[in-house]
Each structure stands twice: as C-alpha cells, then as structure tokens.
N, C-alpha and C. Protein backbone atom coordinates (compact mmCIF):
# COMPACT_ATOMS: atom_id res chain seq x y z
N UNK A 1 0.85 -1.17 0.00
CA UNK A 1 0.00 0.00 0.00
C UNK A 1 0.90 1.24 0.00
N UNK A 2 0.64 2.13 -0.93
CA UNK A 2 1.45 3.34 -1.06
C UNK A 2 0.70 4.52 -0.44
N UNK A 3 1.41 5.31 0.34
CA UNK A 3 0.75 6.46 0.95
C UNK A 3 0.62 7.57 -0.08
N UNK A 4 -0.52 8.28 -0.06
CA UNK A 4 -0.73 9.36 -1.04
C UNK A 4 0.11 10.59 -0.72
N UNK A 5 0.34 11.39 -1.75
CA UNK A 5 1.06 12.64 -1.57
C UNK A 5 0.09 13.72 -1.08
N UNK A 6 0.63 14.83 -0.65
CA UNK A 6 -0.20 15.95 -0.22
C UNK A 6 -1.07 16.43 -1.39
N UNK A 7 -0.52 16.42 -2.59
CA UNK A 7 -1.29 16.83 -3.77
C UNK A 7 -2.46 15.90 -4.00
N UNK A 8 -2.26 14.58 -3.84
CA UNK A 8 -3.36 13.62 -3.97
C UNK A 8 -4.46 13.90 -2.95
N UNK A 9 -4.05 14.21 -1.73
CA UNK A 9 -5.02 14.48 -0.66
C UNK A 9 -5.79 15.76 -0.96
N UNK A 10 -5.09 16.78 -1.42
CA UNK A 10 -5.76 18.04 -1.78
C UNK A 10 -6.77 17.81 -2.90
N UNK A 11 -6.37 17.08 -3.93
CA UNK A 11 -7.26 16.84 -5.07
C UNK A 11 -8.47 15.99 -4.69
N UNK A 12 -8.33 15.12 -3.69
CA UNK A 12 -9.45 14.27 -3.28
C UNK A 12 -10.53 15.09 -2.57
N UNK A 13 -10.14 16.21 -1.95
CA UNK A 13 -11.10 17.06 -1.24
C UNK A 13 -11.53 16.52 0.10
N UNK A 14 -10.85 15.49 0.61
CA UNK A 14 -11.25 14.86 1.85
C UNK A 14 -11.21 15.82 3.05
N UNK A 15 -10.35 16.81 3.02
CA UNK A 15 -10.23 17.74 4.14
C UNK A 15 -11.01 19.04 3.91
N UNK A 16 -11.79 19.08 2.87
CA UNK A 16 -12.60 20.25 2.60
C UNK A 16 -11.93 21.19 1.62
N UNK A 17 -12.71 22.08 1.06
CA UNK A 17 -12.21 22.96 0.02
C UNK A 17 -11.32 24.08 0.53
N UNK A 18 -11.40 24.41 1.82
CA UNK A 18 -10.63 25.53 2.36
C UNK A 18 -9.35 25.11 3.09
N UNK A 19 -9.19 23.81 3.36
CA UNK A 19 -8.04 23.35 4.16
C UNK A 19 -6.72 23.74 3.51
N UNK A 20 -6.58 23.55 2.20
CA UNK A 20 -5.35 23.88 1.50
C UNK A 20 -5.46 25.18 0.69
N UNK A 21 -6.43 26.03 1.01
CA UNK A 21 -6.58 27.27 0.25
C UNK A 21 -5.41 28.21 0.57
N UNK A 22 -5.09 29.07 -0.36
CA UNK A 22 -3.98 30.00 -0.21
C UNK A 22 -4.13 30.87 1.04
N UNK A 23 -5.36 31.37 1.28
CA UNK A 23 -5.60 32.23 2.44
C UNK A 23 -5.39 31.48 3.76
N UNK A 24 -5.88 30.25 3.83
CA UNK A 24 -5.72 29.45 5.05
C UNK A 24 -4.25 29.15 5.31
N UNK A 25 -3.54 28.73 4.27
CA UNK A 25 -2.12 28.44 4.43
C UNK A 25 -1.34 29.68 4.87
N UNK A 26 -1.63 30.81 4.26
CA UNK A 26 -0.94 32.06 4.62
C UNK A 26 -1.23 32.43 6.07
N UNK A 27 -2.48 32.27 6.52
CA UNK A 27 -2.86 32.62 7.88
C UNK A 27 -2.04 31.83 8.90
N UNK A 28 -1.80 30.54 8.61
CA UNK A 28 -1.06 29.68 9.53
C UNK A 28 0.43 29.61 9.24
N UNK A 29 0.92 30.43 8.31
CA UNK A 29 2.34 30.47 8.00
C UNK A 29 2.84 29.19 7.36
N UNK A 30 1.99 28.58 6.52
CA UNK A 30 2.32 27.29 5.90
C UNK A 30 2.35 27.40 4.38
N UNK A 31 2.94 26.40 3.76
CA UNK A 31 2.88 26.22 2.32
C UNK A 31 2.52 24.76 2.07
N UNK A 32 2.21 24.42 0.84
CA UNK A 32 1.92 23.03 0.52
C UNK A 32 3.12 22.14 0.84
N UNK A 33 4.32 22.66 0.62
CA UNK A 33 5.51 21.86 0.86
C UNK A 33 5.84 21.69 2.35
N UNK A 34 5.19 22.45 3.22
CA UNK A 34 5.43 22.26 4.65
C UNK A 34 4.66 21.06 5.20
N UNK A 35 3.70 20.54 4.43
CA UNK A 35 2.92 19.37 4.86
C UNK A 35 3.67 18.09 4.57
N UNK A 36 3.60 17.15 5.50
CA UNK A 36 4.23 15.84 5.38
C UNK A 36 3.20 14.76 5.69
N UNK A 37 3.48 13.53 5.25
CA UNK A 37 2.63 12.40 5.58
C UNK A 37 3.47 11.29 6.20
N UNK A 38 2.93 10.64 7.21
CA UNK A 38 3.52 9.47 7.85
C UNK A 38 2.42 8.44 8.05
N UNK A 39 2.83 7.19 8.14
CA UNK A 39 1.85 6.16 8.48
C UNK A 39 1.50 6.28 9.95
N UNK A 40 0.22 6.35 10.26
CA UNK A 40 -0.23 6.30 11.65
C UNK A 40 -0.50 4.85 12.01
N UNK A 41 -1.16 4.12 11.09
CA UNK A 41 -1.41 2.70 11.25
C UNK A 41 -1.43 2.09 9.85
N UNK A 42 -0.32 1.52 9.44
CA UNK A 42 -0.19 1.03 8.07
C UNK A 42 -1.14 -0.15 7.80
N UNK A 43 -1.36 -1.00 8.80
CA UNK A 43 -2.25 -2.15 8.63
C UNK A 43 -3.69 -1.73 8.31
N UNK A 44 -4.14 -0.65 8.93
CA UNK A 44 -5.49 -0.14 8.70
C UNK A 44 -5.55 0.90 7.60
N UNK A 45 -4.39 1.32 7.08
CA UNK A 45 -4.35 2.31 6.00
C UNK A 45 -4.63 3.72 6.45
N UNK A 46 -4.17 4.07 7.66
CA UNK A 46 -4.42 5.42 8.19
C UNK A 46 -3.11 6.20 8.16
N UNK A 47 -3.15 7.37 7.53
CA UNK A 47 -1.97 8.23 7.47
C UNK A 47 -2.19 9.48 8.31
N UNK A 48 -1.08 10.05 8.73
CA UNK A 48 -1.09 11.31 9.49
C UNK A 48 -0.56 12.39 8.56
N UNK A 49 -1.34 13.45 8.39
CA UNK A 49 -0.95 14.62 7.59
C UNK A 49 -0.66 15.73 8.59
N UNK A 50 0.53 16.34 8.50
CA UNK A 50 0.88 17.34 9.50
C UNK A 50 1.80 18.42 8.91
N UNK A 51 1.78 19.58 9.56
CA UNK A 51 2.66 20.70 9.19
C UNK A 51 2.76 21.65 10.38
N UNK A 52 3.92 22.27 10.57
CA UNK A 52 4.06 23.24 11.66
C UNK A 52 3.28 24.52 11.35
N UNK A 53 2.71 25.12 12.38
CA UNK A 53 2.06 26.42 12.25
C UNK A 53 3.03 27.48 12.76
N UNK A 54 3.10 28.61 12.06
CA UNK A 54 4.01 29.68 12.45
C UNK A 54 3.24 30.99 12.57
N UNK A 55 3.65 31.83 13.52
CA UNK A 55 3.02 33.14 13.66
C UNK A 55 3.66 34.13 12.69
N UNK A 56 3.27 35.39 12.78
CA UNK A 56 3.74 36.41 11.84
C UNK A 56 5.24 36.69 11.95
N UNK A 57 5.86 36.28 13.08
CA UNK A 57 7.30 36.48 13.23
C UNK A 57 8.11 35.26 12.79
N UNK A 58 7.41 34.18 12.43
CA UNK A 58 8.10 32.96 12.01
C UNK A 58 8.31 31.96 13.13
N UNK A 59 7.88 32.31 14.34
CA UNK A 59 8.02 31.40 15.47
C UNK A 59 6.98 30.28 15.38
N UNK A 60 7.41 29.06 15.66
CA UNK A 60 6.48 27.94 15.64
C UNK A 60 5.50 28.06 16.80
N UNK A 61 4.20 27.92 16.49
CA UNK A 61 3.19 28.06 17.53
C UNK A 61 2.29 26.85 17.66
N UNK A 62 2.57 25.78 16.92
CA UNK A 62 1.78 24.57 17.01
C UNK A 62 1.93 23.73 15.76
N UNK A 63 1.02 22.75 15.62
CA UNK A 63 1.06 21.83 14.49
C UNK A 63 -0.35 21.59 13.98
N UNK A 64 -0.52 21.66 12.68
CA UNK A 64 -1.76 21.22 12.04
C UNK A 64 -1.63 19.73 11.85
N UNK A 65 -2.64 18.97 12.25
CA UNK A 65 -2.55 17.51 12.17
C UNK A 65 -3.92 16.92 11.86
N UNK A 66 -3.97 16.04 10.88
CA UNK A 66 -5.21 15.34 10.52
C UNK A 66 -4.86 13.88 10.23
N UNK A 67 -5.83 13.00 10.44
CA UNK A 67 -5.66 11.58 10.15
C UNK A 67 -6.66 11.17 9.07
N UNK A 68 -6.18 10.42 8.07
CA UNK A 68 -7.01 10.05 6.93
C UNK A 68 -6.91 8.56 6.68
N UNK A 69 -8.06 7.92 6.50
CA UNK A 69 -8.12 6.51 6.10
C UNK A 69 -8.00 6.49 4.58
N UNK A 70 -6.90 5.96 4.05
CA UNK A 70 -6.69 6.01 2.60
C UNK A 70 -7.50 4.95 1.85
N UNK A 71 -8.10 4.01 2.57
CA UNK A 71 -8.97 3.03 1.91
C UNK A 71 -10.29 3.66 1.48
N UNK A 72 -10.79 4.57 2.32
CA UNK A 72 -12.07 5.22 2.03
C UNK A 72 -11.92 6.71 1.72
N UNK A 73 -10.71 7.24 1.90
CA UNK A 73 -10.44 8.67 1.80
C UNK A 73 -11.42 9.48 2.63
N UNK A 74 -11.51 9.08 3.91
CA UNK A 74 -12.33 9.79 4.89
C UNK A 74 -11.43 10.21 6.04
N UNK A 75 -11.70 11.38 6.60
CA UNK A 75 -10.96 11.84 7.76
C UNK A 75 -11.40 11.01 8.97
N UNK A 76 -10.45 10.63 9.80
CA UNK A 76 -10.76 9.85 11.00
C UNK A 76 -10.20 10.57 12.22
N UNK A 77 -10.73 10.22 13.39
CA UNK A 77 -10.19 10.76 14.63
C UNK A 77 -9.30 9.68 15.24
N UNK A 78 -8.18 10.10 15.78
CA UNK A 78 -7.21 9.14 16.32
C UNK A 78 -7.44 8.88 17.79
C-alpha cells in the first residue's frame, strides 16, 4: 500500500475545500511543501498529515494535524 502525496489528498477534497486554500495556508504560516505524511497505522491504512504552524514572526506556535483513512479517503479521529 502506497501512501498518497499531499497533492493527492488536496485533489481528493477529503479535508474540505478551504483546508489547503492559499488564504488558510498564509494565515497559519504554511505552504503546501510544509505538509508531510507518515503512516499512523499502516495495517489499517491510516496516514497522518501534518505541518508546523508559524506566527507572523516565524516562530512555531503549534502543528496542524489530521488523520485520513486512505482506503475510504475519509478523515478519521485518532
């Protein structure tokens, strides 16, 4: 099982139309390339999508994190 790229996830629309919008990313100090994927549970096909959030000075202030079941392309809670 191959984990999807951030572009695949964006195109699927599983996280909603505004999650990867330019305005949302700018507000949280993120870019598409700041997002990464890791296996949360490879047996169940659940990936973790995450990126650091930065304030207007560039200081890290948290992490955006979502879990996605790649079998159904539905967001799940961990």
